[in-house]
């Protein structure tokens, strides 16, 4: 059971890190990207998370949770930068 838990934790961390790198690259290269656009994607991810009628399994649940956490963290950081006048 410990192996299964650590495998799920690794999947979460791996997905979160990949998603954050993708969001950072996207922001750096897409001058039209907005917080509103990211918040729309985040809302879509919340819907996907809730639509689990057939049961997608623990691994996919971790992937979705990590994607949501990455979007939430990225959006929060960007908003704080705007408030303080700093940019990444």
Protein backbone atom coordinates (compact mmCIF):
# COMPACT_ATOMS: atom_id res chain seq x y z
CA UNK A 1 0.00 0.00 0.00
CA UNK A 2 2.87 2.37 0.76
CA UNK A 3 4.18 1.90 -2.79
CA UNK A 4 0.79 2.82 -4.21
CA UNK A 5 0.61 5.96 -2.08
CA UNK A 6 4.13 7.05 -2.97
CA UNK A 7 3.41 6.36 -6.65
CA UNK A 8 0.34 8.62 -6.44
CA UNK A 9 2.37 11.30 -4.66
CA UNK A 10 5.08 11.08 -7.34
CA UNK A 11 2.47 11.38 -10.09
CA UNK A 12 0.95 14.44 -8.40
CA UNK A 13 4.35 16.14 -8.00
CA UNK A 14 5.44 15.26 -11.53
CA UNK A 15 2.20 16.59 -13.03
CA UNK A 16 2.24 19.76 -10.91
CA UNK A 17 5.84 20.53 -11.91
CA UNK A 18 5.16 19.87 -15.61
CA UNK A 19 2.04 22.04 -15.55
CA UNK A 20 3.89 24.91 -13.85
CA UNK A 21 6.69 24.74 -16.44
CA UNK A 22 4.10 24.78 -19.23
CA UNK A 23 2.31 27.78 -17.72
CA UNK A 24 5.60 29.67 -17.26
CA UNK A 25 6.61 28.99 -20.89
CA UNK A 26 3.17 29.96 -22.10
CA UNK A 27 3.23 33.25 -20.23
CA UNK A 28 6.74 34.02 -21.45
CA UNK A 29 5.89 33.39 -25.10
CA UNK A 30 2.22 34.33 -25.44
CA UNK A 31 1.86 38.09 -25.03
CA UNK A 32 -1.92 37.76 -25.39
CA UNK A 33 -2.28 35.38 -22.43
CA UNK A 34 -4.43 36.80 -19.64
CA UNK A 35 -5.36 35.81 -16.13
CA UNK A 36 -8.98 35.64 -17.29
CA UNK A 37 -8.04 33.02 -19.88
CA UNK A 38 -6.25 30.95 -17.24
CA UNK A 39 -9.21 31.30 -14.88
CA UNK A 40 -11.51 30.01 -17.64
CA UNK A 41 -9.26 26.98 -18.05
CA UNK A 42 -9.28 26.50 -14.28
CA UNK A 43 -13.09 26.56 -14.24
CA UNK A 44 -13.05 23.88 -16.94
CA UNK A 45 -10.70 21.77 -14.84
CA UNK A 46 -13.07 22.06 -11.87
CA UNK A 47 -15.86 20.73 -14.12
CA UNK A 48 -13.68 17.85 -15.32
CA UNK A 49 -12.83 17.05 -11.70
CA UNK A 50 -16.52 16.87 -10.81
CA UNK A 51 -17.49 14.79 -13.84
CA UNK A 52 -16.38 11.38 -12.64
CA UNK A 53 -19.51 9.32 -13.18
CA UNK A 54 -17.70 6.24 -14.46
CA UNK A 55 -14.72 6.54 -12.13
CA UNK A 56 -11.46 7.52 -13.74
CA UNK A 57 -9.19 6.03 -11.10
CA UNK A 58 -6.72 7.28 -8.53
CA UNK A 59 -3.95 8.19 -10.94
CA UNK A 60 -6.12 10.35 -13.15
CA UNK A 61 -7.64 11.95 -10.04
CA UNK A 62 -4.12 12.91 -8.97
CA UNK A 63 -3.36 14.34 -12.41
CA UNK A 64 -6.44 16.53 -12.37
CA UNK A 65 -5.82 17.64 -8.78
CA UNK A 66 -2.23 18.58 -9.64
CA UNK A 67 -3.32 20.50 -12.74
CA UNK A 68 -5.86 22.44 -10.70
CA UNK A 69 -3.30 23.19 -7.98
CA UNK A 70 -0.80 24.42 -10.57
CA UNK A 71 -3.31 26.75 -12.19
CA UNK A 72 -4.40 28.07 -8.79
CA UNK A 73 -0.79 28.69 -7.72
CA UNK A 74 0.20 30.26 -11.03
CA UNK A 75 -2.81 32.60 -11.10
CA UNK A 76 -2.26 33.61 -7.47
CA UNK A 77 1.41 34.39 -8.10
CA UNK A 78 0.61 36.41 -11.22
CA UNK A 79 -2.04 38.44 -9.37
CA UNK A 80 0.41 39.15 -6.51
CA UNK A 81 2.99 40.33 -9.06
CA UNK A 82 0.43 42.71 -10.52
CA UNK A 83 -0.42 44.04 -7.06
CA UNK A 84 3.23 44.69 -6.19
CA UNK A 85 4.25 45.83 -9.66
CA UNK A 86 6.74 42.99 -10.09
CA UNK A 87 6.88 40.72 -13.15
CA UNK A 88 8.51 37.38 -13.64
